[in-house]
Amino acid sequence: VRGGREVIMVSSGAIAEGMKRLGWSSRPHAIHEL
């Protein structure tokens, strides 16, 4: 950015971080849990 570029970040990780915070070791299949 300081060099004159424009940058947008697209970041995954919300579900994975939520699993960590909720203590889940594997990705759930139920939509409401996701």
PDB file of all heavy atoms in Angstrom:
ATOM      1  N   VAL A   1       0.842  -1.206   0.000  1.00  0.00           N
ATOM      2  CA  VAL A   1       0.000   0.000   0.000  1.00  0.00           C
ATOM      3  C   VAL A   1       0.876   1.255   0.000  1.00  0.00           C
ATOM      4  O   VAL A   1       0.598   2.221  -0.728  1.00  0.00           O
ATOM      5  CB  VAL A   1      -0.959  -0.004   1.208  1.00  0.00           C
ATOM      6  CG1 VAL A   1      -1.672   1.338   1.329  1.00  0.00           C
ATOM      7  CG2 VAL A   1      -1.977  -1.135   1.072  1.00  0.00           C
ATOM      8  N   ARG A   2       1.917   1.244   0.800  1.00  0.00           N
ATOM      9  CA  ARG A   2       2.808   2.405   0.836  1.00  0.00           C
ATOM     10  C   ARG A   2       3.536   2.596  -0.500  1.00  0.00           C
ATOM     11  O   ARG A   2       3.981   3.700  -0.820  1.00  0.00           O
ATOM     12  CB  ARG A   2       3.819   2.262   1.968  1.00  0.00           C
ATOM     13  CG  ARG A   2       3.196   2.402   3.348  1.00  0.00           C
ATOM     14  CD  ARG A   2       4.245   2.491   4.446  1.00  0.00           C
ATOM     15  NE  ARG A   2       3.625   2.653   5.741  1.00  0.00           N
ATOM     16  CZ  ARG A   2       3.299   1.648   6.549  1.00  0.00           C
ATOM     17  NH1 ARG A   2       3.570   0.401   6.178  1.00  0.00           N
ATOM     18  NH2 ARG A   2       2.723   1.875   7.716  1.00  0.00           N
ATOM     19  N   GLY A   3       3.649   1.510  -1.256  1.00  0.00           N
ATOM     20  CA  GLY A   3       4.278   1.598  -2.573  1.00  0.00           C
ATOM     21  C   GLY A   3       3.314   1.974  -3.677  1.00  0.00           C
ATOM     22  O   GLY A   3       3.680   1.944  -4.858  1.00  0.00           O
ATOM     23  N   GLY A   4       2.083   2.322  -3.313  1.00  0.00           N
ATOM     24  CA  GLY A   4       1.120   2.779  -4.305  1.00  0.00           C
ATOM     25  C   GLY A   4       0.142   1.728  -4.793  1.00  0.00           C
ATOM     26  O   GLY A   4      -0.653   1.993  -5.688  1.00  0.00           O
ATOM     27  N   ARG A   5       0.190   0.522  -4.207  1.00  0.00           N
ATOM     28  CA  ARG A   5      -0.756  -0.518  -4.607  1.00  0.00           C
ATOM     29  C   ARG A   5      -2.050  -0.407  -3.806  1.00  0.00           C
ATOM     30  O   ARG A   5      -2.095   0.200  -2.729  1.00  0.00           O
ATOM     31  CB  ARG A   5      -0.167  -1.913  -4.370  1.00  0.00           C
ATOM     32  CG  ARG A   5       1.289  -2.106  -4.775  1.00  0.00           C
ATOM     33  CD  ARG A   5       1.486  -2.164  -6.268  1.00  0.00           C
ATOM     34  NE  ARG A   5       2.888  -2.388  -6.592  1.00  0.00           N
ATOM     35  CZ  ARG A   5       3.346  -3.422  -7.288  1.00  0.00           C
ATOM     36  NH1 ARG A   5       2.510  -4.331  -7.739  1.00  0.00           N
ATOM     37  NH2 ARG A   5       4.631  -3.540  -7.546  1.00  0.00           N
ATOM     38  N   GLU A   6      -3.088  -1.022  -4.323  1.00  0.00           N
ATOM     39  CA  GLU A   6      -4.341  -1.196  -3.599  1.00  0.00           C
ATOM     40  C   GLU A   6      -4.530  -2.682  -3.344  1.00  0.00           C
ATOM     41  O   GLU A   6      -4.380  -3.494  -4.268  1.00  0.00           O
ATOM     42  CB  GLU A   6      -5.519  -0.648  -4.409  1.00  0.00           C
ATOM     43  CG  GLU A   6      -5.447   0.850  -4.636  1.00  0.00           C
ATOM     44  CD  GLU A   6      -6.582   1.360  -5.499  1.00  0.00           C
ATOM     45  OE1 GLU A   6      -7.079   0.593  -6.349  1.00  0.00           O
ATOM     46  OE2 GLU A   6      -6.978   2.523  -5.335  1.00  0.00           O
ATOM     47  N   VAL A   7      -4.829  -3.046  -2.106  1.00  0.00           N
ATOM     48  CA  VAL A   7      -4.867  -4.457  -1.719  1.00  0.00           C
ATOM     49  C   VAL A   7      -6.186  -4.779  -1.023  1.00  0.00           C
ATOM     50  O   VAL A   7      -6.638  -4.023  -0.146  1.00  0.00           O
ATOM     51  CB  VAL A   7      -3.695  -4.820  -0.781  1.00  0.00           C
ATOM     52  CG1 VAL A   7      -3.713  -6.317  -0.471  1.00  0.00           C
ATOM     53  CG2 VAL A   7      -2.362  -4.426  -1.411  1.00  0.00           C
ATOM     54  N   ILE A   8      -6.778  -5.885  -1.412  1.00  0.00           N
ATOM     55  CA  ILE A   8      -7.968  -6.421  -0.753  1.00  0.00           C
ATOM     56  C   ILE A   8      -7.634  -7.831  -0.276  1.00  0.00           C
ATOM     57  O   ILE A   8      -7.057  -8.622  -1.023  1.00  0.00           O
ATOM     58  CB  ILE A   8      -9.169  -6.470  -1.710  1.00  0.00           C
ATOM     59  CG1 ILE A   8      -9.596  -5.050  -2.091  1.00  0.00           C
ATOM     60  CG2 ILE A   8     -10.342  -7.216  -1.096  1.00  0.00           C
ATOM     61  CD1 ILE A   8     -10.698  -5.006  -3.128  1.00  0.00           C
ATOM     62  N   MET A   9      -7.990  -8.137   0.965  1.00  0.00           N
ATOM     63  CA  MET A   9      -7.750  -9.463   1.520  1.00  0.00           C
ATOM     64  C   MET A   9      -9.051 -10.252   1.562  1.00  0.00           C
ATOM     65  O   MET A   9     -10.067  -9.768   2.067  1.00  0.00           O
ATOM     66  CB  MET A   9      -7.167  -9.342   2.933  1.00  0.00           C
ATOM     67  CG  MET A   9      -7.086 -10.654   3.710  1.00  0.00           C
ATOM     68  SD  MET A   9      -5.942 -11.848   2.941  1.00  0.00           S
ATOM     69  CE  MET A   9      -4.353 -11.251   3.548  1.00  0.00           C
ATOM     70  N   VAL A  10      -9.038 -11.458   1.006  1.00  0.00           N
ATOM     71  CA  VAL A  10     -10.145 -12.403   1.145  1.00  0.00           C
ATOM     72  C   VAL A  10      -9.634 -13.532   2.030  1.00  0.00           C
ATOM     73  O   VAL A  10      -8.728 -14.268   1.647  1.00  0.00           O
ATOM     74  CB  VAL A  10     -10.607 -12.955  -0.219  1.00  0.00           C
ATOM     75  CG1 VAL A  10     -11.687 -14.013  -0.034  1.00  0.00           C
ATOM     76  CG2 VAL A  10     -11.120 -11.826  -1.100  1.00  0.00           C
ATOM     77  N   SER A  11     -10.194 -13.635   3.216  1.00  0.00           N
ATOM     78  CA  SER A  11      -9.644 -14.554   4.205  1.00  0.00           C
ATOM     79  C   SER A  11     -10.634 -15.629   4.611  1.00  0.00           C
ATOM     80  O   SER A  11     -11.756 -15.332   5.032  1.00  0.00           O
ATOM     81  CB  SER A  11      -9.201 -13.790   5.456  1.00  0.00           C
ATOM     82  OG  SER A  11      -8.682 -14.678   6.428  1.00  0.00           O
ATOM     83  N   SER A  12     -10.223 -16.867   4.494  1.00  0.00           N
ATOM     84  CA  SER A  12     -10.951 -17.975   5.088  1.00  0.00           C
ATOM     85  C   SER A  12     -10.632 -18.022   6.575  1.00  0.00           C
ATOM     86  O   SER A  12      -9.852 -17.220   7.080  1.00  0.00           O
ATOM     87  CB  SER A  12     -10.543 -19.295   4.419  1.00  0.00           C
ATOM     88  OG  SER A  12     -10.832 -19.281   3.050  1.00  0.00           O
ATOM     89  N   GLY A  13     -11.227 -18.965   7.278  1.00  0.00           N
ATOM     90  CA  GLY A  13     -10.832 -19.204   8.656  1.00  0.00           C
ATOM     91  C   GLY A  13     -11.894 -19.008   9.705  1.00  0.00           C
ATOM     92  O   GLY A  13     -11.677 -19.385  10.861  1.00  0.00           O
ATOM     93  N   ALA A  14     -13.048 -18.422   9.353  1.00  0.00           N
ATOM     94  CA  ALA A  14     -14.057 -18.161  10.380  1.00  0.00           C
ATOM     95  C   ALA A  14     -14.605 -19.453  10.978  1.00  0.00           C
ATOM     96  O   ALA A  14     -14.697 -19.601  12.200  1.00  0.00           O
ATOM     97  CB  ALA A  14     -15.195 -17.320   9.802  1.00  0.00           C
ATOM     98  N   ILE A  15     -14.976 -20.395  10.118  1.00  0.00           N
ATOM     99  CA  ILE A  15     -15.529 -21.652  10.634  1.00  0.00           C
ATOM    100  C   ILE A  15     -14.464 -22.430  11.401  1.00  0.00           C
ATOM    101  O   ILE A  15     -14.725 -22.963  12.489  1.00  0.00           O
ATOM    102  CB  ILE A  15     -16.114 -22.498   9.489  1.00  0.00           C
ATOM    103  CG1 ILE A  15     -17.364 -21.807   8.922  1.00  0.00           C
ATOM    104  CG2 ILE A  15     -16.462 -23.907   9.967  1.00  0.00           C
ATOM    105  CD1 ILE A  15     -18.001 -22.543   7.761  1.00  0.00           C
ATOM    106  N   ALA A  16     -13.247 -22.478  10.849  1.00  0.00           N
ATOM    107  CA  ALA A  16     -12.175 -23.206  11.526  1.00  0.00           C
ATOM    108  C   ALA A  16     -11.867 -22.599  12.896  1.00  0.00           C
ATOM    109  O   ALA A  16     -11.653 -23.323  13.885  1.00  0.00           O
ATOM    110  CB  ALA A  16     -10.922 -23.219  10.653  1.00  0.00           C
ATOM    111  N   GLU A  17     -11.845 -21.274  12.982  1.00  0.00           N
ATOM    112  CA  GLU A  17     -11.594 -20.623  14.265  1.00  0.00           C
ATOM    113  C   GLU A  17     -12.761 -20.849  15.223  1.00  0.00           C
ATOM    114  O   GLU A  17     -12.566 -21.056  16.426  1.00  0.00           O
ATOM    115  CB  GLU A  17     -11.359 -19.121  14.054  1.00  0.00           C
ATOM    116  CG  GLU A  17     -11.310 -18.286  15.330  1.00  0.00           C
ATOM    117  CD  GLU A  17     -10.171 -18.644  16.267  1.00  0.00           C
ATOM    118  OE1 GLU A  17      -9.270 -19.429  15.875  1.00  0.00           O
ATOM    119  OE2 GLU A  17     -10.167 -18.134  17.405  1.00  0.00           O
ATOM    120  N   GLY A  18     -13.975 -20.834  14.691  1.00  0.00           N
ATOM    121  CA  GLY A  18     -15.134 -21.119  15.533  1.00  0.00           C
ATOM    122  C   GLY A  18     -15.092 -22.526  16.096  1.00  0.00           C
ATOM    123  O   GLY A  18     -15.429 -22.751  17.267  1.00  0.00           O
ATOM    124  N   MET A  19     -14.678 -23.486  15.280  1.00  0.00           N
ATOM    125  CA  MET A  19     -14.522 -24.865  15.751  1.00  0.00           C
ATOM    126  C   MET A  19     -13.528 -24.920  16.897  1.00  0.00           C
ATOM    127  O   MET A  19     -13.753 -25.612  17.901  1.00  0.00           O
ATOM    128  CB  MET A  19     -14.053 -25.757  14.594  1.00  0.00           C
ATOM    129  CG  MET A  19     -15.115 -26.029  13.535  1.00  0.00           C
ATOM    130  SD  MET A  19     -14.388 -26.741  12.024  1.00  0.00           S
ATOM    131  CE  MET A  19     -13.414 -28.092  12.698  1.00  0.00           C
ATOM    132  N   LYS A  20     -12.421 -24.204  16.757  1.00  0.00           N
ATOM    133  CA  LYS A  20     -11.409 -24.179  17.817  1.00  0.00           C
ATOM    134  C   LYS A  20     -11.993 -23.603  19.107  1.00  0.00           C
ATOM    135  O   LYS A  20     -11.816 -24.156  20.199  1.00  0.00           O
ATOM    136  CB  LYS A  20     -10.221 -23.337  17.342  1.00  0.00           C
ATOM    137  CG  LYS A  20      -9.258 -22.888  18.415  1.00  0.00           C
ATOM    138  CD  LYS A  20      -8.453 -24.028  19.008  1.00  0.00           C
ATOM    139  CE  LYS A  20      -7.266 -23.530  19.812  1.00  0.00           C
ATOM    140  NZ  LYS A  20      -7.565 -22.467  20.784  1.00  0.00           N
ATOM    141  N   ARG A  21     -12.693 -22.493  19.004  1.00  0.00           N
ATOM    142  CA  ARG A  21     -13.249 -21.844  20.186  1.00  0.00           C
ATOM    143  C   ARG A  21     -14.343 -22.682  20.841  1.00  0.00           C
ATOM    144  O   ARG A  21     -14.533 -22.606  22.052  1.00  0.00           O
ATOM    145  CB  ARG A  21     -13.794 -20.467  19.802  1.00  0.00           C
ATOM    146  CG  ARG A  21     -12.718 -19.476  19.400  1.00  0.00           C
ATOM    147  CD  ARG A  21     -13.295 -18.091  19.142  1.00  0.00           C
ATOM    148  NE  ARG A  21     -12.207 -17.123  18.914  1.00  0.00           N
ATOM    149  CZ  ARG A  21     -12.288 -15.838  19.200  1.00  0.00           C
ATOM    150  NH1 ARG A  21     -13.395 -15.337  19.732  1.00  0.00           N
ATOM    151  NH2 ARG A  21     -11.267 -15.031  18.962  1.00  0.00           N
ATOM    152  N   LEU A  22     -15.043 -23.460  20.027  1.00  0.00           N
ATOM    153  CA  LEU A  22     -16.116 -24.301  20.554  1.00  0.00           C
ATOM    154  C   LEU A  22     -15.620 -25.680  21.000  1.00  0.00           C
ATOM    155  O   LEU A  22     -16.396 -26.481  21.527  1.00  0.00           O
ATOM    156  CB  LEU A  22     -17.211 -24.464  19.498  1.00  0.00           C
ATOM    157  CG  LEU A  22     -17.998 -23.183  19.173  1.00  0.00           C
ATOM    158  CD1 LEU A  22     -18.848 -23.395  17.914  1.00  0.00           C
ATOM    159  CD2 LEU A  22     -18.871 -22.778  20.350  1.00  0.00           C
ATOM    160  N   GLY A  23     -14.347 -25.958  20.765  1.00  0.00           N
ATOM    161  CA  GLY A  23     -13.777 -27.229  21.193  1.00  0.00           C
ATOM    162  C   GLY A  23     -14.108 -28.394  20.290  1.00  0.00           C
ATOM    163  O   GLY A  23     -14.049 -29.554  20.715  1.00  0.00           O
ATOM    164  N   TRP A  24     -14.451 -28.128  19.026  1.00  0.00           N
ATOM    165  CA  TRP A  24     -14.790 -29.197  18.079  1.00  0.00           C
ATOM    166  C   TRP A  24     -13.540 -29.628  17.325  1.00  0.00           C
ATOM    167  O   TRP A  24     -12.829 -28.805  16.761  1.00  0.00           O
ATOM    168  CB  TRP A  24     -15.841 -28.729  17.084  1.00  0.00           C
ATOM    169  CG  TRP A  24     -17.144 -28.342  17.730  1.00  0.00           C
ATOM    170  CD1 TRP A  24     -17.555 -28.583  19.006  1.00  0.00           C
ATOM    171  CD2 TRP A  24     -18.210 -27.609  17.108  1.00  0.00           C
ATOM    172  NE1 TRP A  24     -18.801 -28.074  19.228  1.00  0.00           N
ATOM    173  CE2 TRP A  24     -19.233 -27.469  18.087  1.00  0.00           C
ATOM    174  CE3 TRP A  24     -18.411 -27.074  15.847  1.00  0.00           C
ATOM    175  CZ2 TRP A  24     -20.429 -26.811  17.818  1.00  0.00           C
ATOM    176  CZ3 TRP A  24     -19.590 -26.420  15.570  1.00  0.00           C
ATOM    177  CH2 TRP A  24     -20.593 -26.292  16.542  1.00  0.00           C
ATOM    178  N   SER A  25     -13.293 -30.909  17.255  1.00  0.00           N
ATOM    179  CA  SER A  25     -12.089 -31.424  16.602  1.00  0.00           C
ATOM    180  C   SER A  25     -12.307 -31.739  15.133  1.00  0.00           C
ATOM    181  O   SER A  25     -11.347 -31.888  14.377  1.00  0.00           O
ATOM    182  CB  SER A  25     -11.592 -32.684  17.322  1.00  0.00           C
ATOM    183  OG  SER A  25     -12.602 -33.690  17.319  1.00  0.00           O
ATOM    184  N   SER A  26     -13.537 -31.874  14.703  1.00  0.00           N
ATOM    185  CA  SER A  26     -13.824 -32.161  13.302  1.00  0.00           C
ATOM    186  C   SER A  26     -14.940 -31.248  12.805  1.00  0.00           C
ATOM    187  O   SER A  26     -15.796 -30.815  13.586  1.00  0.00           O
ATOM    188  CB  SER A  26     -14.221 -33.625  13.108  1.00  0.00           C
ATOM    189  OG  SER A  26     -15.386 -33.933  13.860  1.00  0.00           O
ATOM    190  N   ARG A  27     -14.931 -30.972  11.521  1.00  0.00           N
ATOM    191  CA  ARG A  27     -15.911 -30.077  10.919  1.00  0.00           C
ATOM    192  C   ARG A  27     -17.289 -30.727  10.972  1.00  0.00           C
ATOM    193  O   ARG A  27     -17.473 -31.846  10.486  1.00  0.00           O
ATOM    194  CB  ARG A  27     -15.522 -29.786   9.467  1.00  0.00           C
ATOM    195  CG  ARG A  27     -16.412 -28.756   8.762  1.00  0.00           C
ATOM    196  CD  ARG A  27     -15.993 -28.617   7.301  1.00  0.00           C
ATOM    197  NE  ARG A  27     -16.835 -27.696   6.575  1.00  0.00           N
ATOM    198  CZ  ARG A  27     -16.533 -26.416   6.324  1.00  0.00           C
ATOM    199  NH1 ARG A  27     -15.411 -25.920   6.752  1.00  0.00           N
ATOM    200  NH2 ARG A  27     -17.368 -25.642   5.637  1.00  0.00           N
ATOM    201  N   PRO A  28     -18.295 -30.042  11.538  1.00  0.00           N
ATOM    202  CA  PRO A  28     -19.639 -30.620  11.614  1.00  0.00           C
ATOM    203  C   PRO A  28     -20.311 -30.628  10.246  1.00  0.00           C
ATOM    204  O   PRO A  28     -19.883 -29.947   9.318  1.00  0.00           O
ATOM    205  CB  PRO A  28     -20.371 -29.675  12.571  1.00  0.00           C
ATOM    206  CG  PRO A  28     -19.667 -28.369  12.413  1.00  0.00           C
ATOM    207  CD  PRO A  28     -18.225 -28.708  12.161  1.00  0.00           C
ATOM    208  N   HIS A  29     -21.385 -31.410  10.139  1.00  0.00           N
ATOM    209  CA  HIS A  29     -22.133 -31.491   8.884  1.00  0.00           C
ATOM    210  C   HIS A  29     -23.439 -30.718   8.948  1.00  0.00           C
ATOM    211  O   HIS A  29     -23.964 -30.290   7.920  1.00  0.00           O
ATOM    212  CB  HIS A  29     -22.414 -32.951   8.538  1.00  0.00           C
ATOM    213  CG  HIS A  29     -21.175 -33.756   8.301  1.00  0.00           C
ATOM    214  ND1 HIS A  29     -20.398 -33.617   7.170  1.00  0.00           N
ATOM    215  CD2 HIS A  29     -20.565 -34.710   9.063  1.00  0.00           C
ATOM    216  CE1 HIS A  29     -19.372 -34.452   7.244  1.00  0.00           C
ATOM    217  NE2 HIS A  29     -19.439 -35.119   8.382  1.00  0.00           N
ATOM    218  N   ALA A  30     -23.985 -30.538  10.132  1.00  0.00           N
ATOM    219  CA  ALA A  30     -25.258 -29.837  10.280  1.00  0.00           C
ATOM    220  C   ALA A  30     -25.077 -28.357   9.955  1.00  0.00           C
ATOM    221  O   ALA A  30     -24.156 -27.707  10.456  1.00  0.00           O
ATOM    222  CB  ALA A  30     -25.800 -30.003  11.698  1.00  0.00           C
ATOM    223  N   ILE A  31     -25.983 -27.822   9.125  1.00  0.00           N
ATOM    224  CA  ILE A  31     -25.870 -26.434   8.690  1.00  0.00           C
ATOM    225  C   ILE A  31     -25.901 -25.471   9.875  1.00  0.00           C
ATOM    226  O   ILE A  31     -25.110 -24.520   9.937  1.00  0.00           O
ATOM    227  CB  ILE A  31     -27.002 -26.096   7.702  1.00  0.00           C
ATOM    228  CG1 ILE A  31     -26.792 -26.865   6.385  1.00  0.00           C
ATOM    229  CG2 ILE A  31     -27.065 -24.604   7.433  1.00  0.00           C
ATOM    230  CD1 ILE A  31     -25.533 -26.479   5.648  1.00  0.00           C
ATOM    231  N   HIS A  32     -26.799 -25.712  10.836  1.00  0.00           N
ATOM    232  CA  HIS A  32     -26.893 -24.768  11.942  1.00  0.00           C
ATOM    233  C   HIS A  32     -25.630 -24.768  12.792  1.00  0.00           C
ATOM    234  O   HIS A  32     -25.269 -23.747  13.380  1.00  0.00           O
ATOM    235  CB  HIS A  32     -28.124 -25.075  12.807  1.00  0.00           C
ATOM    236  CG  HIS A  32     -28.065 -26.391  13.514  1.00  0.00           C
ATOM    237  ND1 HIS A  32     -28.432 -27.570  12.915  1.00  0.00           N
ATOM    238  CD2 HIS A  32     -27.674 -26.708  14.780  1.00  0.00           C
ATOM    239  CE1 HIS A  32     -28.273 -28.565  13.784  1.00  0.00           C
ATOM    240  NE2 HIS A  32     -27.809 -28.068  14.911  1.00  0.00           N
ATOM    241  N   GLU A  33     -24.920 -25.900  12.869  1.00  0.00           N
ATOM    242  CA  GLU A  33     -23.672 -25.935  13.611  1.00  0.00           C
ATOM    243  C   GLU A  33     -22.561 -25.202  12.845  1.00  0.00           C
ATOM    244  O   GLU A  33     -21.725 -24.510  13.443  1.00  0.00           O
ATOM    245  CB  GLU A  33     -23.267 -27.379  13.894  1.00  0.00           C
ATOM    246  CG  GLU A  33     -24.193 -28.074  14.899  1.00  0.00           C
ATOM    247  CD  GLU A  33     -23.765 -29.496  15.177  1.00  0.00           C
ATOM    248  OE1 GLU A  33     -23.076 -30.093  14.311  1.00  0.00           O
ATOM    249  OE2 GLU A  33     -24.115 -30.022  16.246  1.00  0.00           O
ATOM    250  N   LEU A  34     -22.550 -25.332  11.526  1.00  0.00           N
ATOM    251  CA  LEU A  34     -21.589 -24.591  10.717  1.00  0.00           C
ATOM    252  C   LEU A  34     -21.827 -23.090  10.834  1.00  0.00           C
ATOM    253  O   LEU A  34     -20.880 -22.289  10.947  1.00  0.00           O
ATOM    254  CB  LEU A  34     -21.692 -25.024   9.254  1.00  0.00           C
ATOM    255  CG  LEU A  34     -21.148 -26.419   8.917  1.00  0.00           C
ATOM    256  CD1 LEU A  34     -21.594 -26.837   7.529  1.00  0.00           C
ATOM    257  CD2 LEU A  34     -19.632 -26.434   9.007  1.00  0.00           C
TER     258      LEU A  34
END
